[in-house]
Amino acid sequence: MSDEVPNRPPSAGLIDTLRVPRNAAIGASVGVALALAAYFARVLELFGPFAGTREYPVLGPEGWFLLLAFVLATSTALLVTSALTVIEAIRRAREL
């Protein structure tokens, strides 16, 4: 057996072709914007006070909603990035 690694095409070309860095930047921007809007709407009570009475241990309501905003931002960024990359892959496949 040979210890040589088989020649493979570089994956950087695929990443550049599918415009993943651009898609990731757009996804991150959309995710952060949505999370900030949701966080401020809830914490600043832009739509009125929340009617529920709930205890928020350790961090308080602002801390818990900040954590939820982080989860919303990352999941939205991943969804938007994936969708834009799939759309770009479909466009490239149609060009072939």
PDB file of N, CA and C in Angstrom:
ATOM      1  N   MET A   1       0.823  -1.182   0.000  1.00  0.00           N
ATOM      2  CA  MET A   1       0.000   0.000   0.000  1.00  0.00           C
ATOM      3  C   MET A   1       0.866   1.242   0.000  1.00  0.00           C
ATOM      4  N   SER A   2       0.353   2.230  -0.593  1.00  0.00           N
ATOM      5  CA  SER A   2       1.064   3.491  -0.687  1.00  0.00           C
ATOM      6  C   SER A   2       0.567   4.440   0.399  1.00  0.00           C
ATOM      7  N   ASP A   3       1.492   5.226   0.903  1.00  0.00           N
ATOM      8  CA  ASP A   3       1.134   6.210   1.929  1.00  0.00           C
ATOM      9  C   ASP A   3       0.738   7.551   1.324  1.00  0.00           C
ATOM     10  N   GLU A   4       0.658   7.602   0.014  1.00  0.00           N
ATOM     11  CA  GLU A   4       0.314   8.850  -0.642  1.00  0.00           C
ATOM     12  C   GLU A   4      -1.185   9.132  -0.533  1.00  0.00           C
ATOM     13  N   VAL A   5      -1.500  10.382  -0.393  1.00  0.00           N
ATOM     14  CA  VAL A   5      -2.897  10.814  -0.356  1.00  0.00           C
ATOM     15  C   VAL A   5      -3.353  10.987  -1.804  1.00  0.00           C
ATOM     16  N   PRO A   6      -4.513  10.438  -2.158  1.00  0.00           N
ATOM     17  CA  PRO A   6      -4.960  10.593  -3.544  1.00  0.00           C
ATOM     18  C   PRO A   6      -5.239  12.059  -3.873  1.00  0.00           C
ATOM     19  N   ASN A   7      -5.005  12.384  -5.118  1.00  0.00           N
ATOM     20  CA  ASN A   7      -5.258  13.753  -5.566  1.00  0.00           C
ATOM     21  C   ASN A   7      -6.755  14.013  -5.606  1.00  0.00           C
ATOM     22  N   ARG A   8      -7.141  15.075  -4.965  1.00  0.00           N
ATOM     23  CA  ARG A   8      -8.548  15.471  -4.944  1.00  0.00           C
ATOM     24  C   ARG A   8      -8.635  16.925  -5.365  1.00  0.00           C
ATOM     25  N   PRO A   9      -9.718  17.270  -5.992  1.00  0.00           N
ATOM     26  CA  PRO A   9      -9.854  18.689  -6.334  1.00  0.00           C
ATOM     27  C   PRO A   9     -10.018  19.509  -5.060  1.00  0.00           C
ATOM     28  N   PRO A  10      -9.479  20.693  -5.037  1.00  0.00           N
ATOM     29  CA  PRO A  10      -9.611  21.524  -3.839  1.00  0.00           C
ATOM     30  C   PRO A  10     -11.064  21.930  -3.614  1.00  0.00           C
ATOM     31  N   SER A  11     -11.476  21.875  -2.361  1.00  0.00           N
ATOM     32  CA  SER A  11     -12.863  22.237  -2.045  1.00  0.00           C
ATOM     33  C   SER A  11     -13.070  23.748  -2.036  1.00  0.00           C
ATOM     34  N   ALA A  12     -11.990  24.499  -2.016  1.00  0.00           N
ATOM     35  CA  ALA A  12     -12.124  25.961  -2.015  1.00  0.00           C
ATOM     36  C   ALA A  12     -12.796  26.449  -3.294  1.00  0.00           C
ATOM     37  N   GLY A  13     -12.558  25.750  -4.396  1.00  0.00           N
ATOM     38  CA  GLY A  13     -13.201  26.135  -5.649  1.00  0.00           C
ATOM     39  C   GLY A  13     -14.706  25.987  -5.584  1.00  0.00           C
ATOM     40  N   LEU A  14     -15.167  24.912  -4.956  1.00  0.00           N
ATOM     41  CA  LEU A  14     -16.605  24.697  -4.804  1.00  0.00           C
ATOM     42  C   LEU A  14     -17.215  25.759  -3.894  1.00  0.00           C
ATOM     43  N   ILE A  15     -16.521  26.066  -2.816  1.00  0.00           N
ATOM     44  CA  ILE A  15     -17.021  27.078  -1.879  1.00  0.00           C
ATOM     45  C   ILE A  15     -17.119  28.438  -2.565  1.00  0.00           C
ATOM     46  N   ASP A  16     -16.110  28.757  -3.372  1.00  0.00           N
ATOM     47  CA  ASP A  16     -16.147  30.034  -4.097  1.00  0.00           C
ATOM     48  C   ASP A  16     -17.226  30.034  -5.172  1.00  0.00           C
ATOM     49  N   THR A  17     -17.383  28.908  -5.866  1.00  0.00           N
ATOM     50  CA  THR A  17     -18.384  28.825  -6.929  1.00  0.00           C
ATOM     51  C   THR A  17     -19.795  28.982  -6.378  1.00  0.00           C
ATOM     52  N   LEU A  18     -20.047  28.380  -5.229  1.00  0.00           N
ATOM     53  CA  LEU A  18     -21.376  28.477  -4.620  1.00  0.00           C
ATOM     54  C   LEU A  18     -21.556  29.763  -3.812  1.00  0.00           C
ATOM     55  N   ARG A  19     -20.520  30.581  -3.756  1.00  0.00           N
ATOM     56  CA  ARG A  19     -20.562  31.877  -3.077  1.00  0.00           C
ATOM     57  C   ARG A  19     -20.950  31.746  -1.607  1.00  0.00           C
ATOM     58  N   VAL A  20     -20.371  30.750  -0.956  1.00  0.00           N
ATOM     59  CA  VAL A  20     -20.701  30.483   0.447  1.00  0.00           C
ATOM     60  C   VAL A  20     -20.311  31.646   1.367  1.00  0.00           C
ATOM     61  N   PRO A  21     -19.134  32.268   1.219  1.00  0.00           N
ATOM     62  CA  PRO A  21     -18.822  33.389   2.122  1.00  0.00           C
ATOM     63  C   PRO A  21     -19.834  34.538   2.026  1.00  0.00           C
ATOM     64  N   ARG A  22     -20.259  34.865   0.820  1.00  0.00           N
ATOM     65  CA  ARG A  22     -21.269  35.916   0.641  1.00  0.00           C
ATOM     66  C   ARG A  22     -22.583  35.493   1.276  1.00  0.00           C
ATOM     67  N   ASN A  23     -22.977  34.240   1.045  1.00  0.00           N
ATOM     68  CA  ASN A  23     -24.225  33.731   1.613  1.00  0.00           C
ATOM     69  C   ASN A  23     -24.173  33.724   3.137  1.00  0.00           C
ATOM     70  N   ALA A  24     -23.012  33.381   3.697  1.00  0.00           N
ATOM     71  CA  ALA A  24     -22.873  33.368   5.158  1.00  0.00           C
ATOM     72  C   ALA A  24     -22.972  34.779   5.731  1.00  0.00           C
ATOM     73  N   ALA A  25     -22.400  35.739   5.045  1.00  0.00           N
ATOM     74  CA  ALA A  25     -22.487  37.125   5.518  1.00  0.00           C
ATOM     75  C   ALA A  25     -23.930  37.624   5.479  1.00  0.00           C
ATOM     76  N   ILE A  26     -24.634  37.308   4.411  1.00  0.00           N
ATOM     77  CA  ILE A  26     -26.045  37.699   4.312  1.00  0.00           C
ATOM     78  C   ILE A  26     -26.861  36.988   5.387  1.00  0.00           C
ATOM     79  N   GLY A  27     -26.617  35.698   5.572  1.00  0.00           N
ATOM     80  CA  GLY A  27     -27.341  34.934   6.587  1.00  0.00           C
ATOM     81  C   GLY A  27     -27.107  35.471   7.984  1.00  0.00           C
ATOM     82  N   ALA A  28     -25.852  35.807   8.295  1.00  0.00           N
ATOM     83  CA  ALA A  28     -25.544  36.353   9.615  1.00  0.00           C
ATOM     84  C   ALA A  28     -26.218  37.706   9.821  1.00  0.00           C
ATOM     85  N   SER A  29     -26.224  38.524   8.793  1.00  0.00           N
ATOM     86  CA  SER A  29     -26.872  39.840   8.900  1.00  0.00           C
ATOM     87  C   SER A  29     -28.372  39.706   9.140  1.00  0.00           C
ATOM     88  N   VAL A  30     -29.007  38.824   8.388  1.00  0.00           N
ATOM     89  CA  VAL A  30     -30.453  38.614   8.556  1.00  0.00           C
ATOM     90  C   VAL A  30     -30.744  38.037   9.938  1.00  0.00           C
ATOM     91  N   GLY A  31     -29.934  37.071  10.371  1.00  0.00           N
ATOM     92  CA  GLY A  31     -30.142  36.457  11.681  1.00  0.00           C
ATOM     93  C   GLY A  31     -30.004  37.446  12.819  1.00  0.00           C
ATOM     94  N   VAL A  32     -28.964  38.259  12.769  1.00  0.00           N
ATOM     95  CA  VAL A  32     -28.750  39.251  13.828  1.00  0.00           C
ATOM     96  C   VAL A  32     -29.858  40.300  13.815  1.00  0.00           C
ATOM     97  N   ALA A  33     -30.257  40.747  12.637  1.00  0.00           N
ATOM     98  CA  ALA A  33     -31.327  41.748  12.551  1.00  0.00           C
ATOM     99  C   ALA A  33     -32.640  41.208  13.115  1.00  0.00           C
ATOM    100  N   LEU A  34     -32.982  39.980  12.762  1.00  0.00           N
ATOM    101  CA  LEU A  34     -34.214  39.383  13.275  1.00  0.00           C
ATOM    102  C   LEU A  34     -34.147  39.186  14.784  1.00  0.00           C
ATOM    103  N   ALA A  35     -33.011  38.714  15.277  1.00  0.00           N
ATOM    104  CA  ALA A  35     -32.863  38.492  16.715  1.00  0.00           C
ATOM    105  C   ALA A  35     -32.929  39.801  17.492  1.00  0.00           C
ATOM    106  N   LEU A  36     -32.287  40.843  16.981  1.00  0.00           N
ATOM    107  CA  LEU A  36     -32.352  42.140  17.659  1.00  0.00           C
ATOM    108  C   LEU A  36     -33.774  42.689  17.675  1.00  0.00           C
ATOM    109  N   ALA A  37     -34.465  42.549  16.556  1.00  0.00           N
ATOM    110  CA  ALA A  37     -35.848  43.027  16.500  1.00  0.00           C
ATOM    111  C   ALA A  37     -36.726  42.273  17.497  1.00  0.00           C
ATOM    112  N   ALA A  38     -36.583  40.969  17.556  1.00  0.00           N
ATOM    113  CA  ALA A  38     -37.388  40.174  18.489  1.00  0.00           C
ATOM    114  C   ALA A  38     -37.015  40.478  19.936  1.00  0.00           C
ATOM    115  N   TYR A  39     -35.726  40.620  20.207  1.00  0.00           N
ATOM    116  CA  TYR A  39     -35.273  40.903  21.571  1.00  0.00           C
ATOM    117  C   TYR A  39     -35.797  42.252  22.059  1.00  0.00           C
ATOM    118  N   PHE A  40     -35.617  43.279  21.242  1.00  0.00           N
ATOM    119  CA  PHE A  40     -36.059  44.606  21.671  1.00  0.00           C
ATOM    120  C   PHE A  40     -37.580  44.707  21.728  1.00  0.00           C
ATOM    121  N   ALA A  41     -38.272  44.022  20.847  1.00  0.00           N
ATOM    122  CA  ALA A  41     -39.735  44.029  20.901  1.00  0.00           C
ATOM    123  C   ALA A  41     -40.219  43.398  22.201  1.00  0.00           C
ATOM    124  N   ARG A  42     -39.525  42.375  22.672  1.00  0.00           N
ATOM    125  CA  ARG A  42     -39.948  41.695  23.897  1.00  0.00           C
ATOM    126  C   ARG A  42     -39.478  42.427  25.145  1.00  0.00           C
ATOM    127  N   VAL A  43     -38.212  42.794  25.186  1.00  0.00           N
ATOM    128  CA  VAL A  43     -37.660  43.406  26.395  1.00  0.00           C
ATOM    129  C   VAL A  43     -38.178  44.829  26.591  1.00  0.00           C
ATOM    130  N   LEU A  44     -38.277  45.590  25.522  1.00  0.00           N
ATOM    131  CA  LEU A  44     -38.777  46.961  25.642  1.00  0.00           C
ATOM    132  C   LEU A  44     -40.298  47.029  25.599  1.00  0.00           C
ATOM    133  N   GLU A  45     -40.928  45.879  25.468  1.00  0.00           N
ATOM    134  CA  GLU A  45     -42.387  45.761  25.450  1.00  0.00           C
ATOM    135  C   GLU A  45     -42.998  46.694  24.407  1.00  0.00           C
ATOM    136  N   LEU A  46     -42.485  46.628  23.195  1.00  0.00           N
ATOM    137  CA  LEU A  46     -42.973  47.485  22.110  1.00  0.00           C
ATOM    138  C   LEU A  46     -44.421  47.178  21.734  1.00  0.00           C
ATOM    139  N   PHE A  47     -44.851  45.959  21.968  1.00  0.00           N
ATOM    140  CA  PHE A  47     -46.232  45.569  21.657  1.00  0.00           C
ATOM    141  C   PHE A  47     -47.074  45.458  22.922  1.00  0.00           C
ATOM    142  N   GLY A  48     -46.662  46.129  23.974  1.00  0.00           N
ATOM    143  CA  GLY A  48     -47.392  46.088  25.233  1.00  0.00           C
ATOM    144  C   GLY A  48     -46.762  45.096  26.190  1.00  0.00           C
ATOM    145  N   PRO A  49     -47.138  45.178  27.450  1.00  0.00           N
ATOM    146  CA  PRO A  49     -46.556  44.272  28.441  1.00  0.00           C
ATOM    147  C   PRO A  49     -47.033  42.839  28.243  1.00  0.00           C
ATOM    148  N   PHE A  50     -46.194  41.923  28.644  1.00  0.00           N
ATOM    149  CA  PHE A  50     -46.521  40.508  28.564  1.00  0.00           C
ATOM    150  C   PHE A  50     -47.467  40.168  29.703  1.00  0.00           C
ATOM    151  N   ALA A  51     -48.565  39.490  29.389  1.00  0.00           N
ATOM    152  CA  ALA A  51     -49.607  39.232  30.385  1.00  0.00           C
ATOM    153  C   ALA A  51     -49.238  38.109  31.345  1.00  0.00           C
ATOM    154  N   GLY A  52     -48.325  37.248  30.964  1.00  0.00           N
ATOM    155  CA  GLY A  52     -47.979  36.103  31.798  1.00  0.00           C
ATOM    156  C   GLY A  52     -47.119  36.495  32.986  1.00  0.00           C
ATOM    157  N   THR A  53     -47.231  35.719  34.034  1.00  0.00           N
ATOM    158  CA  THR A  53     -46.373  35.914  35.197  1.00  0.00           C
ATOM    159  C   THR A  53     -45.507  34.679  35.320  1.00  0.00           C
ATOM    160  N   ARG A  54     -44.234  34.852  35.129  1.00  0.00           N
ATOM    161  CA  ARG A  54     -43.319  33.722  35.140  1.00  0.00           C
ATOM    162  C   ARG A  54     -42.042  34.149  35.844  1.00  0.00           C
ATOM    163  N   GLU A  55     -41.443  33.196  36.542  1.00  0.00           N
ATOM    164  CA  GLU A  55     -40.168  33.431  37.208  1.00  0.00           C
ATOM    165  C   GLU A  55     -39.032  33.078  36.257  1.00  0.00           C
ATOM    166  N   TYR A  56     -38.022  33.926  36.184  1.00  0.00           N
ATOM    167  CA  TYR A  56     -36.838  33.687  35.361  1.00  0.00           C
ATOM    168  C   TYR A  56     -35.632  33.613  36.290  1.00  0.00           C
ATOM    169  N   PRO A  57     -35.217  32.398  36.668  1.00  0.00           N
ATOM    170  CA  PRO A  57     -34.131  32.266  37.644  1.00  0.00           C
ATOM    171  C   PRO A  57     -32.775  32.687  37.071  1.00  0.00           C
ATOM    172  N   VAL A  58     -31.911  33.092  37.925  1.00  0.00           N
ATOM    173  CA  VAL A  58     -30.506  33.430  37.700  1.00  0.00           C
ATOM    174  C   VAL A  58     -30.325  34.662  36.810  1.00  0.00           C
ATOM    175  N   LEU A  59     -30.737  34.612  35.570  1.00  0.00           N
ATOM    176  CA  LEU A  59     -30.444  35.680  34.614  1.00  0.00           C
ATOM    177  C   LEU A  59     -31.514  36.758  34.544  1.00  0.00           C
ATOM    178  N   GLY A  60     -32.697  36.471  34.998  1.00  0.00           N
ATOM    179  CA  GLY A  60     -33.801  37.413  34.841  1.00  0.00           C
ATOM    180  C   GLY A  60     -34.354  37.333  33.430  1.00  0.00           C
ATOM    181  N   PRO A  61     -35.454  38.012  33.153  1.00  0.00           N
ATOM    182  CA  PRO A  61     -36.071  37.896  31.828  1.00  0.00           C
ATOM    183  C   PRO A  61     -35.182  38.406  30.698  1.00  0.00           C
ATOM    184  N   GLU A  62     -34.445  39.496  30.934  1.00  0.00           N
ATOM    185  CA  GLU A  62     -33.593  40.030  29.866  1.00  0.00           C
ATOM    186  C   GLU A  62     -32.502  39.047  29.478  1.00  0.00           C
ATOM    187  N   GLY A  63     -31.915  38.384  30.458  1.00  0.00           N
ATOM    188  CA  GLY A  63     -30.865  37.401  30.179  1.00  0.00           C
ATOM    189  C   GLY A  63     -31.383  36.202  29.413  1.00  0.00           C
ATOM    190  N   TRP A  64     -32.544  35.708  29.817  1.00  0.00           N
ATOM    191  CA  TRP A  64     -33.115  34.555  29.110  1.00  0.00           C
ATOM    192  C   TRP A  64     -33.513  34.921  27.688  1.00  0.00           C
ATOM    193  N   PHE A  65     -34.059  36.100  27.505  1.00  0.00           N
ATOM    194  CA  PHE A  65     -34.427  36.511  26.151  1.00  0.00           C
ATOM    195  C   PHE A  65     -33.196  36.807  25.298  1.00  0.00           C
ATOM    196  N   LEU A  66     -32.101  37.213  25.920  1.00  0.00           N
ATOM    197  CA  LEU A  66     -30.850  37.383  25.182  1.00  0.00           C
ATOM    198  C   LEU A  66     -30.338  36.033  24.686  1.00  0.00           C
ATOM    199  N   LEU A  67     -30.422  35.006  25.526  1.00  0.00           N
ATOM    200  CA  LEU A  67     -30.036  33.657  25.089  1.00  0.00           C
ATOM    201  C   LEU A  67     -30.943  33.160  23.969  1.00  0.00           C
ATOM    202  N   LEU A  68     -32.229  33.402  24.095  1.00  0.00           N
ATOM    203  CA  LEU A  68     -33.152  33.009  23.022  1.00  0.00           C
ATOM    204  C   LEU A  68     -32.871  33.787  21.737  1.00  0.00           C
ATOM    205  N   ALA A  69     -32.488  35.043  21.863  1.00  0.00           N
ATOM    206  CA  ALA A  69     -32.146  35.837  20.682  1.00  0.00           C
ATOM    207  C   ALA A  69     -30.910  35.273  19.992  1.00  0.00           C
ATOM    208  N   PHE A  70     -29.942  34.792  20.777  1.00  0.00           N
ATOM    209  CA  PHE A  70     -28.752  34.167  20.191  1.00  0.00           C
ATOM    210  C   PHE A  70     -29.128  32.914  19.410  1.00  0.00           C
ATOM    211  N   VAL A  71     -29.988  32.087  19.987  1.00  0.00           N
ATOM    212  CA  VAL A  71     -30.435  30.875  19.292  1.00  0.00           C
ATOM    213  C   VAL A  71     -31.195  31.241  18.021  1.00  0.00           C
ATOM    214  N   LEU A  72     -32.050  32.240  18.098  1.00  0.00           N
ATOM    215  CA  LEU A  72     -32.792  32.692  16.918  1.00  0.00           C
ATOM    216  C   LEU A  72     -31.843  33.210  15.840  1.00  0.00           C
ATOM    217  N   ALA A  73     -30.834  33.975  16.236  1.00  0.00           N
ATOM    218  CA  ALA A  73     -29.882  34.528  15.264  1.00  0.00           C
ATOM    219  C   ALA A  73     -29.091  33.427  14.574  1.00  0.00           C
ATOM    220  N   THR A  74     -28.575  32.469  15.336  1.00  0.00           N
ATOM    221  CA  THR A  74     -27.764  31.415  14.722  1.00  0.00           C
ATOM    222  C   THR A  74     -28.596  30.498  13.843  1.00  0.00           C
ATOM    223  N   SER A  75     -29.782  30.143  14.280  1.00  0.00           N
ATOM    224  CA  SER A  75     -30.603  29.246  13.460  1.00  0.00           C
ATOM    225  C   SER A  75     -31.101  29.948  12.198  1.00  0.00           C
ATOM    226  N   THR A  76     -31.444  31.216  12.303  1.00  0.00           N
ATOM    227  CA  THR A  76     -31.867  31.966  11.120  1.00  0.00           C
ATOM    228  C   THR A  76     -30.705  32.146  10.151  1.00  0.00           C
ATOM    229  N   ALA A  77     -29.526  32.437  10.679  1.00  0.00           N
ATOM    230  CA  ALA A  77     -28.345  32.585   9.820  1.00  0.00           C
ATOM    231  C   ALA A  77     -28.049  31.291   9.081  1.00  0.00           C
ATOM    232  N   LEU A  78     -28.146  30.167   9.769  1.00  0.00           N
ATOM    233  CA  LEU A  78     -27.910  28.873   9.125  1.00  0.00           C
ATOM    234  C   LEU A  78     -28.954  28.593   8.059  1.00  0.00           C
ATOM    235  N   LEU A  79     -30.201  28.879   8.348  1.00  0.00           N
ATOM    236  CA  LEU A  79     -31.277  28.641   7.384  1.00  0.00           C
ATOM    237  C   LEU A  79     -31.111  29.506   6.134  1.00  0.00           C
ATOM    238  N   VAL A  80     -30.837  30.783   6.318  1.00  0.00           N
ATOM    239  CA  VAL A  80     -30.682  31.688   5.176  1.00  0.00           C
ATOM    240  C   VAL A  80     -29.445  31.318   4.364  1.00  0.00           C
ATOM    241  N   THR A  81     -28.338  31.012   5.037  1.00  0.00           N
ATOM    242  CA  THR A  81     -27.119  30.608   4.332  1.00  0.00           C
ATOM    243  C   THR A  81     -27.346  29.342   3.528  1.00  0.00           C
ATOM    244  N   SER A  82     -27.992  28.364   4.123  1.00  0.00           N
ATOM    245  CA  SER A  82     -28.269  27.109   3.416  1.00  0.00           C
ATOM    246  C   SER A  82     -29.176  27.338   2.218  1.00  0.00           C
ATOM    247  N   ALA A  83     -30.212  28.127   2.401  1.00  0.00           N
ATOM    248  CA  ALA A  83     -31.147  28.382   1.303  1.00  0.00           C
ATOM    249  C   ALA A  83     -30.462  29.101   0.145  1.00  0.00           C
ATOM    250  N   LEU A  84     -29.662  30.114   0.445  1.00  0.00           N
ATOM    251  CA  LEU A  84     -28.960  30.836  -0.610  1.00  0.00           C
ATOM    252  C   LEU A  84     -27.944  29.947  -1.324  1.00  0.00           C
ATOM    253  N   THR A  85     -27.286  29.065  -0.587  1.00  0.00           N
ATOM    254  CA  THR A  85     -26.314  28.156  -1.199  1.00  0.00           C
ATOM    255  C   THR A  85     -27.005  27.139  -2.088  1.00  0.00           C
ATOM    256  N   VAL A  86     -28.149  26.627  -1.659  1.00  0.00           N
ATOM    257  CA  VAL A  86     -28.904  25.686  -2.498  1.00  0.00           C
ATOM    258  C   VAL A  86     -29.392  26.384  -3.765  1.00  0.00           C
ATOM    259  N   ILE A  87     -29.868  27.599  -3.641  1.00  0.00           N
ATOM    260  CA  ILE A  87     -30.318  28.351  -4.821  1.00  0.00           C
ATOM    261  C   ILE A  87     -29.162  28.556  -5.793  1.00  0.00           C
ATOM    262  N   GLU A  88     -27.996  28.890  -5.269  1.00  0.00           N
ATOM    263  CA  GLU A  88     -26.821  29.077  -6.133  1.00  0.00           C
ATOM    264  C   GLU A  88     -26.403  27.757  -6.782  1.00  0.00           C
ATOM    265  N   ALA A  89     -26.501  26.652  -6.050  1.00  0.00           N
ATOM    266  CA  ALA A  89     -26.166  25.344  -6.624  1.00  0.00           C
ATOM    267  C   ALA A  89     -27.128  24.984  -7.751  1.00  0.00           C
ATOM    268  N   ILE A  90     -28.394  25.289  -7.577  1.00  0.00           N
ATOM    269  CA  ILE A  90     -29.383  25.020  -8.634  1.00  0.00           C
ATOM    270  C   ILE A  90     -29.085  25.878  -9.857  1.00  0.00           C
ATOM    271  N   ARG A  91     -28.749  27.133  -9.655  1.00  0.00           N
ATOM    272  CA  ARG A  91     -28.397  28.010 -10.784  1.00  0.00           C
ATOM    273  C   ARG A  91     -27.186  27.470 -11.543  1.00  0.00           C
ATOM    274  N   ARG A  92     -26.176  27.037 -10.797  1.00  0.00           N
ATOM    275  CA  ARG A  92     -24.966  26.501 -11.438  1.00  0.00           C
ATOM    276  C   ARG A  92     -25.266  25.198 -12.166  1.00  0.00           C
ATOM    277  N   ALA A  93     -26.133  24.379 -11.609  1.00  0.00           N
ATOM    278  CA  ALA A  93     -26.479  23.109 -12.256  1.00  0.00           C
ATOM    279  C   ALA A  93     -27.233  23.352 -13.559  1.00  0.00           C
ATOM    280  N   ARG A  94     -28.054  24.370 -13.606  1.00  0.00           N
ATOM    281  CA  ARG A  94     -28.797  24.686 -14.835  1.00  0.00           C
ATOM    282  C   ARG A  94     -27.883  25.223 -15.926  1.00  0.00           C
ATOM    283  N   GLU A  95     -26.770  25.842 -15.539  1.00  0.00           N
ATOM    284  CA  GLU A  95     -25.819  26.362 -16.517  1.00  0.00           C
ATOM    285  C   GLU A  95     -25.059  25.248 -17.224  1.00  0.00           C
ATOM    286  N   LEU A  96     -24.950  24.100 -16.598  1.00  0.00           N
ATOM    287  CA  LEU A  96     -24.178  22.991 -17.191  1.00  0.00           C
ATOM    288  C   LEU A  96     -24.856  22.395 -18.385  1.00  0.00           C
TER     289      LEU A  96
END
